[in-house]
Amino acid sequence: MIARRLLPLLGIVLAASLSACQPADRAHVVEVTARDFAFDAPDQIPSGWTTFRMTNAGEQEHFLYIYRLPENKT
């Protein structure tokens, strides 16, 4: 009986806990378009949490890899 009464409260606590795991400011979204032999993307992105969304506008299959370049490399 008590467990049934606590179940809705448990759901609220779980939802609040999961929302606390999100970054305080929403993630930046970077749109990338892949074309055959080219990618269209911004030259720079802001620091912080970032979501990349890639659209394949070409005939070939494309992959997007992201990594940090060492200092003094462009």
C-alpha atoms as a PDB file:
ATOM      1  CA  MET A   1       0.000   0.000   0.000  1.00  0.00           C
ATOM      2  CA  ILE A   2       2.743   2.461   0.939  1.00  0.00           C
ATOM      3  CA  ALA A   3       4.821   1.386  -2.077  1.00  0.00           C
ATOM      4  CA  ARG A   4       1.986   2.315  -4.460  1.00  0.00           C
ATOM      5  CA  ARG A   5       1.778   5.759  -2.904  1.00  0.00           C
ATOM      6  CA  LEU A   6       5.523   6.282  -3.209  1.00  0.00           C
ATOM      7  CA  LEU A   7       5.761   5.210  -6.868  1.00  0.00           C
ATOM      8  CA  PRO A   8       4.659   8.583  -8.342  1.00  0.00           C
ATOM      9  CA  LEU A   9       7.073  10.367  -5.997  1.00  0.00           C
ATOM     10  CA  LEU A  10       9.891   8.086  -7.141  1.00  0.00           C
ATOM     11  CA  GLY A  11       9.150   9.035 -10.759  1.00  0.00           C
ATOM     12  CA  ILE A  12       9.368  12.747  -9.922  1.00  0.00           C
ATOM     13  CA  VAL A  13      12.661  12.273  -8.063  1.00  0.00           C
ATOM     14  CA  LEU A  14      14.101  10.264 -10.961  1.00  0.00           C
ATOM     15  CA  ALA A  15      13.076  12.908 -13.510  1.00  0.00           C
ATOM     16  CA  ALA A  16      14.600  15.674 -11.383  1.00  0.00           C
ATOM     17  CA  SER A  17      17.827  13.692 -11.003  1.00  0.00           C
ATOM     18  CA  LEU A  18      18.160  13.128 -14.741  1.00  0.00           C
ATOM     19  CA  SER A  19      17.525  16.783 -15.551  1.00  0.00           C
ATOM     20  CA  ALA A  20      20.271  17.746 -13.093  1.00  0.00           C
ATOM     21  CA  CYS A  21      22.744  15.771 -15.238  1.00  0.00           C
ATOM     22  CA  GLN A  22      22.188  18.120 -18.186  1.00  0.00           C
ATOM     23  CA  PRO A  23      24.594  21.053 -18.612  1.00  0.00           C
ATOM     24  CA  ALA A  24      23.374  24.299 -17.066  1.00  0.00           C
ATOM     25  CA  ASP A  25      23.379  26.096 -20.396  1.00  0.00           C
ATOM     26  CA  ARG A  26      22.011  24.196 -23.330  1.00  0.00           C
ATOM     27  CA  ALA A  27      24.511  22.615 -25.689  1.00  0.00           C
ATOM     28  CA  HIS A  28      25.565  24.475 -28.797  1.00  0.00           C
ATOM     29  CA  VAL A  29      24.350  22.835 -31.991  1.00  0.00           C
ATOM     30  CA  VAL A  30      26.689  22.740 -34.980  1.00  0.00           C
ATOM     31  CA  GLU A  31      25.184  21.814 -38.325  1.00  0.00           C
ATOM     32  CA  VAL A  32      27.537  19.997 -40.731  1.00  0.00           C
ATOM     33  CA  THR A  33      26.638  19.156 -44.329  1.00  0.00           C
ATOM     34  CA  ALA A  34      28.634  16.431 -46.041  1.00  0.00           C
ATOM     35  CA  ARG A  35      28.841  16.594 -49.812  1.00  0.00           C
ATOM     36  CA  ASP A  36      30.890  14.433 -52.102  1.00  0.00           C
ATOM     37  CA  PHE A  37      34.500  15.514 -51.488  1.00  0.00           C
ATOM     38  CA  ALA A  38      33.553  18.434 -49.179  1.00  0.00           C
ATOM     39  CA  PHE A  39      32.129  19.324 -45.765  1.00  0.00           C
ATOM     40  CA  ASP A  40      30.276  22.555 -44.980  1.00  0.00           C
ATOM     41  CA  ALA A  41      30.776  23.540 -41.336  1.00  0.00           C
ATOM     42  CA  PRO A  42      31.657  26.624 -39.286  1.00  0.00           C
ATOM     43  CA  ASP A  43      35.332  27.586 -39.029  1.00  0.00           C
ATOM     44  CA  GLN A  44      35.050  27.940 -35.254  1.00  0.00           C
ATOM     45  CA  ILE A  45      32.720  26.750 -32.529  1.00  0.00           C
ATOM     46  CA  PRO A  46      32.252  28.067 -28.988  1.00  0.00           C
ATOM     47  CA  SER A  47      33.709  26.113 -26.094  1.00  0.00           C
ATOM     48  CA  GLY A  48      31.495  23.944 -23.953  1.00  0.00           C
ATOM     49  CA  TRP A  49      28.997  21.177 -24.585  1.00  0.00           C
ATOM     50  CA  THR A  50      28.364  20.859 -28.311  1.00  0.00           C
ATOM     51  CA  THR A  51      26.029  18.735 -30.388  1.00  0.00           C
ATOM     52  CA  PHE A  52      27.031  17.992 -33.974  1.00  0.00           C
ATOM     53  CA  ARG A  53      24.330  17.244 -36.527  1.00  0.00           C
ATOM     54  CA  MET A  54      25.509  15.965 -39.872  1.00  0.00           C
ATOM     55  CA  THR A  55      23.441  15.794 -43.038  1.00  0.00           C
ATOM     56  CA  ASN A  56      24.731  13.694 -45.909  1.00  0.00           C
ATOM     57  CA  ALA A  57      23.875  15.622 -49.080  1.00  0.00           C
ATOM     58  CA  GLY A  58      26.186  13.549 -51.272  1.00  0.00           C
ATOM     59  CA  GLU A  59      25.959  10.243 -53.073  1.00  0.00           C
ATOM     60  CA  GLN A  60      28.749   8.597 -51.060  1.00  0.00           C
ATOM     61  CA  GLU A  61      28.636   7.526 -47.408  1.00  0.00           C
ATOM     62  CA  HIS A  62      30.321  10.080 -45.107  1.00  0.00           C
ATOM     63  CA  PHE A  63      31.665   9.989 -41.565  1.00  0.00           C
ATOM     64  CA  LEU A  64      32.421  12.877 -39.224  1.00  0.00           C
ATOM     65  CA  TYR A  65      35.384  12.534 -36.870  1.00  0.00           C
ATOM     66  CA  ILE A  66      36.190  15.260 -34.363  1.00  0.00           C
ATOM     67  CA  TYR A  67      39.446  15.690 -32.513  1.00  0.00           C
ATOM     68  CA  ARG A  68      41.572  18.431 -31.004  1.00  0.00           C
ATOM     69  CA  LEU A  69      44.648  19.549 -32.918  1.00  0.00           C
ATOM     70  CA  PRO A  70      47.898  20.066 -31.017  1.00  0.00           C
ATOM     71  CA  GLU A  71      49.053  23.603 -30.252  1.00  0.00           C
ATOM     72  CA  ASN A  72      50.323  25.564 -33.291  1.00  0.00           C
ATOM     73  CA  LYS A  73      48.500  23.281 -35.762  1.00  0.00           C
ATOM     74  CA  THR A  74      45.626  24.354 -38.014  1.00  0.00           C
END
